[in-house]
Amino acid sequence: MSYISVKFKIIIPQNYQDVVREYNKLKPSSWEPITNIENVDSAGGFEIPLPSNIEGKEGLRAKQVSWHKKRLHTNALYSPFSEEEVGLLYNAMISVFGKDQIELVKHPKN
């Protein structure tokens, strides 16, 4: 599973809003919109709501990536973003922060 790594240490609320706006502008219309995570239990990140009727995903409310050591990763309580969603988030983050600040780390399938 691919993940996004960054070179900066701080992301401000306006940056989250800019990434969300860019992602939602670029996404296919059939995809759910992304939002930023705004709760005290999280270091911040992004989430995509899951429709309640997805087989095998009962009890999961969202796909989510949150910050850990300057990387966006998925907590075990959430579904991960698809490879396509990670790629789109990467492109949205490049638009906001610049290509020199963002890295897409690809892992081969096992």
PDB file of N, CA and C in Angstrom:
ATOM      1  N   MET A   1       0.840  -1.187   0.000  1.00  0.00           N
ATOM      2  CA  MET A   1       0.000   0.000   0.000  1.00  0.00           C
ATOM      3  C   MET A   1       0.877   1.239   0.000  1.00  0.00           C
ATOM      4  N   SER A   2       0.609   2.152  -0.865  1.00  0.00           N
ATOM      5  CA  SER A   2       1.358   3.408  -0.958  1.00  0.00           C
ATOM      6  C   SER A   2       0.964   4.346   0.174  1.00  0.00           C
ATOM      7  N   TYR A   3       1.893   5.244   0.518  1.00  0.00           N
ATOM      8  CA  TYR A   3       1.576   6.274   1.499  1.00  0.00           C
ATOM      9  C   TYR A   3       2.264   7.566   1.114  1.00  0.00           C
ATOM     10  N   ILE A   4       1.815   8.650   1.724  1.00  0.00           N
ATOM     11  CA  ILE A   4       2.358   9.976   1.450  1.00  0.00           C
ATOM     12  C   ILE A   4       3.244  10.391   2.610  1.00  0.00           C
ATOM     13  N   SER A   5       4.431  10.868   2.281  1.00  0.00           N
ATOM     14  CA  SER A   5       5.387  11.376   3.253  1.00  0.00           C
ATOM     15  C   SER A   5       5.639  12.848   2.933  1.00  0.00           C
ATOM     16  N   VAL A   6       5.878  13.656   3.965  1.00  0.00           N
ATOM     17  CA  VAL A   6       6.111  15.086   3.759  1.00  0.00           C
ATOM     18  C   VAL A   6       7.419  15.517   4.399  1.00  0.00           C
ATOM     19  N   LYS A   7       7.960  16.631   3.947  1.00  0.00           N
ATOM     20  CA  LYS A   7       9.216  17.148   4.488  1.00  0.00           C
ATOM     21  C   LYS A   7       8.998  18.222   5.546  1.00  0.00           C
ATOM     22  N   PHE A   8       7.798  18.770   5.631  1.00  0.00           N
ATOM     23  CA  PHE A   8       7.521  19.831   6.599  1.00  0.00           C
ATOM     24  C   PHE A   8       7.010  19.248   7.911  1.00  0.00           C
ATOM     25  N   LYS A   9       7.010  20.072   8.957  1.00  0.00           N
ATOM     26  CA  LYS A   9       6.604  19.605  10.285  1.00  0.00           C
ATOM     27  C   LYS A   9       5.213  20.052  10.700  1.00  0.00           C
ATOM     28  N   ILE A  10       4.725  21.137  10.140  1.00  0.00           N
ATOM     29  CA  ILE A  10       3.449  21.705  10.585  1.00  0.00           C
ATOM     30  C   ILE A  10       2.538  21.930   9.388  1.00  0.00           C
ATOM     31  N   ILE A  11       1.270  21.570   9.556  1.00  0.00           N
ATOM     32  CA  ILE A  11       0.244  21.878   8.563  1.00  0.00           C
ATOM     33  C   ILE A  11      -0.819  22.714   9.279  1.00  0.00           C
ATOM     34  N   ILE A  12      -1.136  23.862   8.720  1.00  0.00           N
ATOM     35  CA  ILE A  12      -2.088  24.768   9.354  1.00  0.00           C
ATOM     36  C   ILE A  12      -3.497  24.520   8.809  1.00  0.00           C
ATOM     37  N   PRO A  13      -4.530  24.962   9.535  1.00  0.00           N
ATOM     38  CA  PRO A  13      -5.915  24.727   9.073  1.00  0.00           C
ATOM     39  C   PRO A  13      -6.169  25.178   7.637  1.00  0.00           C
ATOM     40  N   GLN A  14      -5.618  26.303   7.220  1.00  0.00           N
ATOM     41  CA  GLN A  14      -5.831  26.766   5.853  1.00  0.00           C
ATOM     42  C   GLN A  14      -5.270  25.769   4.838  1.00  0.00           C
ATOM     43  N   ASN A  15      -4.118  25.158   5.164  1.00  0.00           N
ATOM     44  CA  ASN A  15      -3.542  24.149   4.262  1.00  0.00           C
ATOM     45  C   ASN A  15      -4.464  22.950   4.123  1.00  0.00           C
ATOM     46  N   TYR A  16      -5.063  22.497   5.245  1.00  0.00           N
ATOM     47  CA  TYR A  16      -6.026  21.394   5.176  1.00  0.00           C
ATOM     48  C   TYR A  16      -7.180  21.769   4.241  1.00  0.00           C
ATOM     49  N   GLN A  17      -7.707  22.965   4.418  1.00  0.00           N
ATOM     50  CA  GLN A  17      -8.826  23.413   3.589  1.00  0.00           C
ATOM     51  C   GLN A  17      -8.442  23.458   2.114  1.00  0.00           C
ATOM     52  N   ASP A  18      -7.216  23.901   1.835  1.00  0.00           N
ATOM     53  CA  ASP A  18      -6.751  23.980   0.448  1.00  0.00           C
ATOM     54  C   ASP A  18      -6.614  22.579  -0.165  1.00  0.00           C
ATOM     55  N   VAL A  19      -6.070  21.616   0.596  1.00  0.00           N
ATOM     56  CA  VAL A  19      -5.922  20.243   0.102  1.00  0.00           C
ATOM     57  C   VAL A  19      -7.298  19.625  -0.139  1.00  0.00           C
ATOM     58  N   VAL A  20      -8.214  19.800   0.803  1.00  0.00           N
ATOM     59  CA  VAL A  20      -9.575  19.268   0.661  1.00  0.00           C
ATOM     60  C   VAL A  20     -10.244  19.857  -0.581  1.00  0.00           C
ATOM     61  N   ARG A  21     -10.142  21.151  -0.751  1.00  0.00           N
ATOM     62  CA  ARG A  21     -10.760  21.813  -1.907  1.00  0.00           C
ATOM     63  C   ARG A  21     -10.164  21.273  -3.213  1.00  0.00           C
ATOM     64  N   GLU A  22      -8.844  21.128  -3.273  1.00  0.00           N
ATOM     65  CA  GLU A  22      -8.182  20.644  -4.495  1.00  0.00           C
ATOM     66  C   GLU A  22      -8.560  19.186  -4.777  1.00  0.00           C
ATOM     67  N   TYR A  23      -8.547  18.333  -3.754  1.00  0.00           N
ATOM     68  CA  TYR A  23      -8.925  16.924  -3.922  1.00  0.00           C
ATOM     69  C   TYR A  23     -10.353  16.816  -4.449  1.00  0.00           C
ATOM     70  N   ASN A  24     -11.265  17.530  -3.815  1.00  0.00           N
ATOM     71  CA  ASN A  24     -12.680  17.452  -4.203  1.00  0.00           C
ATOM     72  C   ASN A  24     -12.930  18.035  -5.597  1.00  0.00           C
ATOM     73  N   LYS A  25     -12.088  18.970  -6.026  1.00  0.00           N
ATOM     74  CA  LYS A  25     -12.191  19.525  -7.378  1.00  0.00           C
ATOM     75  C   LYS A  25     -11.728  18.488  -8.410  1.00  0.00           C
ATOM     76  N   LEU A  26     -10.707  17.694  -8.079  1.00  0.00           N
ATOM     77  CA  LEU A  26     -10.116  16.739  -9.013  1.00  0.00           C
ATOM     78  C   LEU A  26     -10.798  15.370  -9.043  1.00  0.00           C
ATOM     79  N   LYS A  27     -11.478  14.988  -7.978  1.00  0.00           N
ATOM     80  CA  LYS A  27     -12.029  13.637  -7.861  1.00  0.00           C
ATOM     81  C   LYS A  27     -13.150  13.390  -8.869  1.00  0.00           C
ATOM     82  N   PRO A  28     -13.322  12.132  -9.272  1.00  0.00           N
ATOM     83  CA  PRO A  28     -14.485  11.805 -10.104  1.00  0.00           C
ATOM     84  C   PRO A  28     -15.779  12.092  -9.343  1.00  0.00           C
ATOM     85  N   SER A  29     -16.815  12.443 -10.045  1.00  0.00           N
ATOM     86  CA  SER A  29     -18.083  12.799  -9.387  1.00  0.00           C
ATOM     87  C   SER A  29     -18.701  11.611  -8.639  1.00  0.00           C
ATOM     88  N   SER A  30     -18.323  10.396  -8.995  1.00  0.00           N
ATOM     89  CA  SER A  30     -18.876   9.217  -8.322  1.00  0.00           C
ATOM     90  C   SER A  30     -18.207   8.938  -6.971  1.00  0.00           C
ATOM     91  N   TRP A  31     -17.092   9.591  -6.679  1.00  0.00           N
ATOM     92  CA  TRP A  31     -16.395   9.391  -5.409  1.00  0.00           C
ATOM     93  C   TRP A  31     -16.993  10.274  -4.324  1.00  0.00           C
ATOM     94  N   GLU A  32     -16.919   9.795  -3.087  1.00  0.00           N
ATOM     95  CA  GLU A  32     -17.325  10.609  -1.937  1.00  0.00           C
ATOM     96  C   GLU A  32     -16.298  11.721  -1.728  1.00  0.00           C
ATOM     97  N   PRO A  33     -16.717  12.882  -1.225  1.00  0.00           N
ATOM     98  CA  PRO A  33     -15.766  13.970  -0.980  1.00  0.00           C
ATOM     99  C   PRO A  33     -14.890  13.684   0.244  1.00  0.00           C
ATOM    100  N   ILE A  34     -13.709  14.247   0.227  1.00  0.00           N
ATOM    101  CA  ILE A  34     -12.784  14.122   1.347  1.00  0.00           C
ATOM    102  C   ILE A  34     -13.017  15.292   2.310  1.00  0.00           C
ATOM    103  N   THR A  35     -12.741  15.081   3.589  1.00  0.00           N
ATOM    104  CA  THR A  35     -12.768  16.151   4.585  1.00  0.00           C
ATOM    105  C   THR A  35     -11.508  16.031   5.429  1.00  0.00           C
ATOM    106  N   ASN A  36     -11.199  17.071   6.186  1.00  0.00           N
ATOM    107  CA  ASN A  36     -10.079  16.952   7.106  1.00  0.00           C
ATOM    108  C   ASN A  36     -10.594  16.486   8.467  1.00  0.00           C
ATOM    109  N   ILE A  37      -9.730  15.801   9.190  1.00  0.00           N
ATOM    110  CA  ILE A  37     -10.081  15.268  10.511  1.00  0.00           C
ATOM    111  C   ILE A  37      -9.904  16.384  11.531  1.00  0.00           C
ATOM    112  N   GLU A  38     -10.932  16.607  12.305  1.00  0.00           N
ATOM    113  CA  GLU A  38     -10.894  17.659  13.319  1.00  0.00           C
ATOM    114  C   GLU A  38     -11.368  17.108  14.661  1.00  0.00           C
ATOM    115  N   ASN A  39     -10.552  16.256  15.284  1.00  0.00           N
ATOM    116  CA  ASN A  39     -10.916  15.798  16.628  1.00  0.00           C
ATOM    117  C   ASN A  39      -9.674  15.697  17.491  1.00  0.00           C
ATOM    118  N   VAL A  40      -9.874  15.702  18.797  1.00  0.00           N
ATOM    119  CA  VAL A  40      -8.749  15.724  19.724  1.00  0.00           C
ATOM    120  C   VAL A  40      -8.032  14.387  19.819  1.00  0.00           C
ATOM    121  N   ASP A  41      -8.647  13.310  19.379  1.00  0.00           N
ATOM    122  CA  ASP A  41      -8.018  11.992  19.441  1.00  0.00           C
ATOM    123  C   ASP A  41      -7.059  11.736  18.294  1.00  0.00           C
ATOM    124  N   SER A  42      -6.975  12.642  17.358  1.00  0.00           N
ATOM    125  CA  SER A  42      -6.183  12.426  16.160  1.00  0.00           C
ATOM    126  C   SER A  42      -5.130  13.515  16.017  1.00  0.00           C
ATOM    127  N   ALA A  43      -4.040  13.168  15.358  1.00  0.00           N
ATOM    128  CA  ALA A  43      -3.004  14.145  15.038  1.00  0.00           C
ATOM    129  C   ALA A  43      -3.380  14.940  13.796  1.00  0.00           C
ATOM    130  N   GLY A  44      -4.581  14.719  13.293  1.00  0.00           N
ATOM    131  CA  GLY A  44      -5.033  15.369  12.072  1.00  0.00           C
ATOM    132  C   GLY A  44      -4.852  14.445  10.896  1.00  0.00           C
ATOM    133  N   GLY A  45      -5.474  14.807   9.803  1.00  0.00           N
ATOM    134  CA  GLY A  45      -5.399  13.987   8.602  1.00  0.00           C
ATOM    135  C   GLY A  45      -6.615  14.218   7.738  1.00  0.00           C
ATOM    136  N   PHE A  46      -6.993  13.182   6.987  1.00  0.00           N
ATOM    137  CA  PHE A  46      -8.089  13.286   6.046  1.00  0.00           C
ATOM    138  C   PHE A  46      -8.965  12.049   6.121  1.00  0.00           C
ATOM    139  N   GLU A  47     -10.258  12.223   5.810  1.00  0.00           N
ATOM    140  CA  GLU A  47     -11.154  11.072   5.790  1.00  0.00           C
ATOM    141  C   GLU A  47     -12.185  11.193   4.676  1.00  0.00           C
ATOM    142  N   ILE A  48     -12.671  10.020   4.289  1.00  0.00           N
ATOM    143  CA  ILE A  48     -13.708   9.905   3.267  1.00  0.00           C
ATOM    144  C   ILE A  48     -14.810   9.051   3.875  1.00  0.00           C
ATOM    145  N   PRO A  49     -16.048   9.555   3.965  1.00  0.00           N
ATOM    146  CA  PRO A  49     -17.119   8.751   4.550  1.00  0.00           C
ATOM    147  C   PRO A  49     -17.398   7.507   3.705  1.00  0.00           C
ATOM    148  N   LEU A  50     -17.739   6.428   4.377  1.00  0.00           N
ATOM    149  CA  LEU A  50     -18.137   5.194   3.691  1.00  0.00           C
ATOM    150  C   LEU A  50     -19.651   5.100   3.674  1.00  0.00           C
ATOM    151  N   PRO A  51     -20.222   4.732   2.545  1.00  0.00           N
ATOM    152  CA  PRO A  51     -21.666   4.447   2.548  1.00  0.00           C
ATOM    153  C   PRO A  51     -21.935   3.295   3.511  1.00  0.00           C
ATOM    154  N   SER A  52     -23.070   3.303   4.159  1.00  0.00           N
ATOM    155  CA  SER A  52     -23.378   2.301   5.185  1.00  0.00           C
ATOM    156  C   SER A  52     -23.679   0.920   4.619  1.00  0.00           C
ATOM    157  N   ASN A  53     -23.793   0.785   3.304  1.00  0.00           N
ATOM    158  CA  ASN A  53     -24.191  -0.488   2.720  1.00  0.00           C
ATOM    159  C   ASN A  53     -23.038  -1.267   2.073  1.00  0.00           C
ATOM    160  N   ILE A  54     -21.796  -1.003   2.459  1.00  0.00           N
ATOM    161  CA  ILE A  54     -20.667  -1.722   1.868  1.00  0.00           C
ATOM    162  C   ILE A  54     -20.461  -3.037   2.604  1.00  0.00           C
ATOM    163  N   GLU A  55     -20.561  -4.135   1.874  1.00  0.00           N
ATOM    164  CA  GLU A  55     -20.415  -5.462   2.457  1.00  0.00           C
ATOM    165  C   GLU A  55     -18.993  -5.648   2.991  1.00  0.00           C
ATOM    166  N   GLY A  56     -18.901  -6.205   4.194  1.00  0.00           N
ATOM    167  CA  GLY A  56     -17.619  -6.446   4.827  1.00  0.00           C
ATOM    168  C   GLY A  56     -17.063  -5.249   5.559  1.00  0.00           C
ATOM    169  N   LYS A  57     -17.717  -4.111   5.478  1.00  0.00           N
ATOM    170  CA  LYS A  57     -17.238  -2.882   6.126  1.00  0.00           C
ATOM    171  C   LYS A  57     -18.218  -2.396   7.191  1.00  0.00           C
ATOM    172  N   GLU A  58     -19.085  -3.293   7.663  1.00  0.00           N
ATOM    173  CA  GLU A  58     -20.064  -2.916   8.669  1.00  0.00           C
ATOM    174  C   GLU A  58     -19.338  -2.378   9.909  1.00  0.00           C
ATOM    175  N   GLY A  59     -19.833  -1.318  10.462  1.00  0.00           N
ATOM    176  CA  GLY A  59     -19.252  -0.717  11.657  1.00  0.00           C
ATOM    177  C   GLY A  59     -18.159   0.295  11.354  1.00  0.00           C
ATOM    178  N   LEU A  60     -17.635   0.301  10.132  1.00  0.00           N
ATOM    179  CA  LEU A  60     -16.641   1.293   9.760  1.00  0.00           C
ATOM    180  C   LEU A  60     -17.360   2.482   9.146  1.00  0.00           C
ATOM    181  N   ARG A  61     -17.052   3.658   9.648  1.00  0.00           N
ATOM    182  CA  ARG A  61     -17.736   4.866   9.179  1.00  0.00           C
ATOM    183  C   ARG A  61     -16.989   5.594   8.080  1.00  0.00           C
ATOM    184  N   ALA A  62     -15.671   5.376   8.019  1.00  0.00           N
ATOM    185  CA  ALA A  62     -14.892   6.181   7.081  1.00  0.00           C
ATOM    186  C   ALA A  62     -13.582   5.506   6.713  1.00  0.00           C
ATOM    187  N   LYS A  63     -13.066   5.931   5.572  1.00  0.00           N
ATOM    188  CA  LYS A  63     -11.679   5.658   5.219  1.00  0.00           C
ATOM    189  C   LYS A  63     -10.909   6.829   5.820  1.00  0.00           C
ATOM    190  N   GLN A  64      -9.728   6.561   6.369  1.00  0.00           N
ATOM    191  CA  GLN A  64      -9.033   7.643   7.042  1.00  0.00           C
ATOM    192  C   GLN A  64      -7.517   7.476   6.951  1.00  0.00           C
ATOM    193  N   VAL A  65      -6.828   8.591   6.779  1.00  0.00           N
ATOM    194  CA  VAL A  65      -5.376   8.642   6.920  1.00  0.00           C
ATOM    195  C   VAL A  65      -5.058   9.750   7.911  1.00  0.00           C
ATOM    196  N   SER A  66      -4.152   9.453   8.833  1.00  0.00           N
ATOM    197  CA  SER A  66      -3.767  10.459   9.826  1.00  0.00           C
ATOM    198  C   SER A  66      -2.250  10.526   9.916  1.00  0.00           C
ATOM    199  N   TRP A  67      -1.763  11.600  10.511  1.00  0.00           N
ATOM    200  CA  TRP A  67      -0.328  11.852  10.575  1.00  0.00           C
ATOM    201  C   TRP A  67       0.355  10.985  11.620  1.00  0.00           C
ATOM    202  N   HIS A  68       1.503  10.441  11.241  1.00  0.00           N
ATOM    203  CA  HIS A  68       2.396   9.730  12.157  1.00  0.00           C
ATOM    204  C   HIS A  68       3.798   9.831  11.575  1.00  0.00           C
ATOM    205  N   LYS A  69       4.690  10.514  12.273  1.00  0.00           N
ATOM    206  CA  LYS A  69       6.074  10.687  11.839  1.00  0.00           C
ATOM    207  C   LYS A  69       6.178  11.224  10.410  1.00  0.00           C
ATOM    208  N   LYS A  70       5.443  12.297  10.158  1.00  0.00           N
ATOM    209  CA  LYS A  70       5.448  13.003   8.865  1.00  0.00           C
ATOM    210  C   LYS A  70       4.962  12.122   7.713  1.00  0.00           C
ATOM    211  N   ARG A  71       4.135  11.129   8.042  1.00  0.00           N
ATOM    212  CA  ARG A  71       3.519  10.265   7.030  1.00  0.00           C
ATOM    213  C   ARG A  71       2.029  10.185   7.292  1.00  0.00           C
ATOM    214  N   LEU A  72       1.269  10.028   6.228  1.00  0.00           N
ATOM    215  CA  LEU A  72      -0.164   9.778   6.365  1.00  0.00           C
ATOM    216  C   LEU A  72      -0.371   8.268   6.333  1.00  0.00           C
ATOM    217  N   HIS A  73      -0.917   7.720   7.422  1.00  0.00           N
ATOM    218  CA  HIS A  73      -1.140   6.274   7.514  1.00  0.00           C
ATOM    219  C   HIS A  73      -2.554   6.007   8.014  1.00  0.00           C
ATOM    220  N   THR A  74      -2.982   4.752   7.933  1.00  0.00           N
ATOM    221  CA  THR A  74      -4.325   4.365   8.355  1.00  0.00           C
ATOM    222  C   THR A  74      -4.276   3.647   9.693  1.00  0.00           C
ATOM    223  N   ASN A  75      -5.055   4.135  10.638  1.00  0.00           N
ATOM    224  CA  ASN A  75      -5.235   3.492  11.938  1.00  0.00           C
ATOM    225  C   ASN A  75      -6.036   2.204  11.722  1.00  0.00           C
ATOM    226  N   ALA A  76      -5.804   1.195  12.542  1.00  0.00           N
ATOM    227  CA  ALA A  76      -6.477  -0.106  12.396  1.00  0.00           C
ATOM    228  C   ALA A  76      -7.997  -0.013  12.526  1.00  0.00           C
ATOM    229  N   LEU A  77      -8.524   1.051  13.115  1.00  0.00           N
ATOM    230  CA  LEU A  77      -9.966   1.187  13.288  1.00  0.00           C
ATOM    231  C   LEU A  77     -10.679   1.683  12.035  1.00  0.00           C
ATOM    232  N   TYR A  78      -9.925   2.029  11.007  1.00  0.00           N
ATOM    233  CA  TYR A  78     -10.505   2.607   9.798  1.00  0.00           C
ATOM    234  C   TYR A  78     -10.092   1.817   8.560  1.00  0.00           C
ATOM    235  N   SER A  79     -10.829   2.010   7.489  1.00  0.00           N
ATOM    236  CA  SER A  79     -10.454   1.442   6.196  1.00  0.00           C
ATOM    237  C   SER A  79      -9.404   2.347   5.569  1.00  0.00           C
ATOM    238  N   PRO A  80      -8.463   1.766   4.818  1.00  0.00           N
ATOM    239  CA  PRO A  80      -7.463   2.596   4.134  1.00  0.00           C
ATOM    240  C   PRO A  80      -8.026   3.227   2.871  1.00  0.00           C
ATOM    241  N   PHE A  81      -7.402   4.275   2.419  1.00  0.00           N
ATOM    242  CA  PHE A  81      -7.716   4.849   1.119  1.00  0.00           C
ATOM    243  C   PHE A  81      -7.293   3.847   0.054  1.00  0.00           C
ATOM    244  N   SER A  82      -7.972   3.843  -1.072  1.00  0.00           N
ATOM    245  CA  SER A  82      -7.549   3.023  -2.205  1.00  0.00           C
ATOM    246  C   SER A  82      -6.281   3.636  -2.799  1.00  0.00           C
ATOM    247  N   GLU A  83      -5.594   2.883  -3.635  1.00  0.00           N
ATOM    248  CA  GLU A  83      -4.400   3.407  -4.312  1.00  0.00           C
ATOM    249  C   GLU A  83      -4.757   4.650  -5.128  1.00  0.00           C
ATOM    250  N   GLU A  84      -5.930   4.630  -5.763  1.00  0.00           N
ATOM    251  CA  GLU A  84      -6.357   5.780  -6.561  1.00  0.00           C
ATOM    252  C   GLU A  84      -6.609   7.001  -5.680  1.00  0.00           C
ATOM    253  N   GLU A  85      -7.198   6.800  -4.506  1.00  0.00           N
ATOM    254  CA  GLU A  85      -7.460   7.913  -3.581  1.00  0.00           C
ATOM    255  C   GLU A  85      -6.150   8.471  -3.028  1.00  0.00           C
ATOM    256  N   VAL A  86      -5.193   7.595  -2.711  1.00  0.00           N
ATOM    257  CA  VAL A  86      -3.876   8.059  -2.247  1.00  0.00           C
ATOM    258  C   VAL A  86      -3.209   8.881  -3.342  1.00  0.00           C
ATOM    259  N   GLY A  87      -3.269   8.400  -4.580  1.00  0.00           N
ATOM    260  CA  GLY A  87      -2.679   9.134  -5.696  1.00  0.00           C
ATOM    261  C   GLY A  87      -3.302  10.502  -5.896  1.00  0.00           C
ATOM    262  N   LEU A  88      -4.614  10.566  -5.774  1.00  0.00           N
ATOM    263  CA  LEU A  88      -5.302  11.847  -5.926  1.00  0.00           C
ATOM    264  C   LEU A  88      -4.964  12.790  -4.769  1.00  0.00           C
ATOM    265  N   LEU A  89      -4.889  12.264  -3.551  1.00  0.00           N
ATOM    266  CA  LEU A  89      -4.503  13.085  -2.402  1.00  0.00           C
ATOM    267  C   LEU A  89      -3.077  13.608  -2.590  1.00  0.00           C
ATOM    268  N   TYR A  90      -2.198  12.761  -3.075  1.00  0.00           N
ATOM    269  CA  TYR A  90      -0.818  13.172  -3.383  1.00  0.00           C
ATOM    270  C   TYR A  90      -0.816  14.346  -4.371  1.00  0.00           C
ATOM    271  N   ASN A  91      -1.576  14.231  -5.451  1.00  0.00           N
ATOM    272  CA  ASN A  91      -1.639  15.316  -6.446  1.00  0.00           C
ATOM    273  C   ASN A  91      -2.221  16.591  -5.856  1.00  0.00           C
ATOM    274  N   ALA A  92      -3.231  16.460  -5.009  1.00  0.00           N
ATOM    275  CA  ALA A  92      -3.820  17.642  -4.363  1.00  0.00           C
ATOM    276  C   ALA A  92      -2.799  18.301  -3.432  1.00  0.00           C
ATOM    277  N   MET A  93      -2.028  17.480  -2.717  1.00  0.00           N
ATOM    278  CA  MET A  93      -1.022  18.033  -1.799  1.00  0.00           C
ATOM    279  C   MET A  93       0.119  18.692  -2.563  1.00  0.00           C
ATOM    280  N   ILE A  94       0.489  18.154  -3.714  1.00  0.00           N
ATOM    281  CA  ILE A  94       1.509  18.797  -4.551  1.00  0.00           C
ATOM    282  C   ILE A  94       1.027  20.185  -4.978  1.00  0.00           C
ATOM    283  N   SER A  95      -0.253  20.297  -5.335  1.00  0.00           N
ATOM    284  CA  SER A  95      -0.806  21.592  -5.745  1.00  0.00           C
ATOM    285  C   SER A  95      -0.715  22.619  -4.620  1.00  0.00           C
ATOM    286  N   VAL A  96      -0.850  22.170  -3.387  1.00  0.00           N
ATOM    287  CA  VAL A  96      -0.838  23.078  -2.241  1.00  0.00           C
ATOM    288  C   VAL A  96       0.582  23.352  -1.735  1.00  0.00           C
ATOM    289  N   PHE A  97       1.401  22.307  -1.607  1.00  0.00           N
ATOM    290  CA  PHE A  97       2.708  22.440  -0.955  1.00  0.00           C
ATOM    291  C   PHE A  97       3.906  22.450  -1.913  1.00  0.00           C
ATOM    292  N   GLY A  98       3.718  21.948  -3.123  1.00  0.00           N
ATOM    293  CA  GLY A  98       4.822  21.861  -4.077  1.00  0.00           C
ATOM    294  C   GLY A  98       5.440  20.477  -4.103  1.00  0.00           C
ATOM    295  N   LYS A  99       5.906  20.066  -5.258  1.00  0.00           N
ATOM    296  CA  LYS A  99       6.433  18.721  -5.477  1.00  0.00           C
ATOM    297  C   LYS A  99       7.660  18.420  -4.606  1.00  0.00           C
ATOM    298  N   ASP A 100       8.434  19.437  -4.272  1.00  0.00           N
ATOM    299  CA  ASP A 100       9.641  19.220  -3.468  1.00  0.00           C
ATOM    300  C   ASP A 100       9.339  18.942  -1.995  1.00  0.00           C
ATOM    301  N   GLN A 101       8.087  19.102  -1.567  1.00  0.00           N
ATOM    302  CA  GLN A 101       7.709  18.887  -0.166  1.00  0.00           C
ATOM    303  C   GLN A 101       6.952  17.583   0.090  1.00  0.00           C
ATOM    304  N   ILE A 102       6.541  16.892  -0.977  1.00  0.00           N
ATOM    305  CA  ILE A 102       5.664  15.726  -0.866  1.00  0.00           C
ATOM    306  C   ILE A 102       6.293  14.550  -1.593  1.00  0.00           C
ATOM    307  N   GLU A 103       6.200  13.353  -0.993  1.00  0.00           N
ATOM    308  CA  GLU A 103       6.695  12.151  -1.647  1.00  0.00           C
ATOM    309  C   GLU A 103       5.633  11.058  -1.576  1.00  0.00           C
ATOM    310  N   LEU A 104       5.419  10.396  -2.682  1.00  0.00           N
ATOM    311  CA  LEU A 104       4.539   9.227  -2.729  1.00  0.00           C
ATOM    312  C   LEU A 104       5.433   8.006  -2.665  1.00  0.00           C
ATOM    313  N   VAL A 105       5.302   7.240  -1.585  1.00  0.00           N
ATOM    314  CA  VAL A 105       6.120   6.058  -1.385  1.00  0.00           C
ATOM    315  C   VAL A 105       5.277   4.839  -1.760  1.00  0.00           C
ATOM    316  N   LYS A 106       5.707   4.149  -2.792  1.00  0.00           N
ATOM    317  CA  LYS A 106       4.951   2.985  -3.286  1.00  0.00           C
ATOM    318  C   LYS A 106       5.564   1.708  -2.755  1.00  0.00           C
ATOM    319  N   HIS A 107       4.680   0.829  -2.275  1.00  0.00           N
ATOM    320  CA  HIS A 107       5.107  -0.486  -1.825  1.00  0.00           C
ATOM    321  C   HIS A 107       4.562  -1.525  -2.795  1.00  0.00           C
ATOM    322  N   PRO A 108       5.398  -2.453  -3.198  1.00  0.00           N
ATOM    323  CA  PRO A 108       4.891  -3.518  -4.074  1.00  0.00           C
ATOM    324  C   PRO A 108       3.889  -4.389  -3.339  1.00  0.00           C
ATOM    325  N   LYS A 109       2.971  -4.945  -4.100  1.00  0.00           N
ATOM    326  CA  LYS A 109       1.988  -5.846  -3.498  1.00  0.00           C
ATOM    327  C   LYS A 109       2.688  -7.130  -3.079  1.00  0.00           C
ATOM    328  N   ASN A 110       2.329  -7.622  -1.906  1.00  0.00           N
ATOM    329  CA  ASN A 110       2.940  -8.874  -1.403  1.00  0.00           C
ATOM    330  C   ASN A 110       2.183 -10.076  -1.881  1.00  0.00           C
TER     331      ASN A 110
END
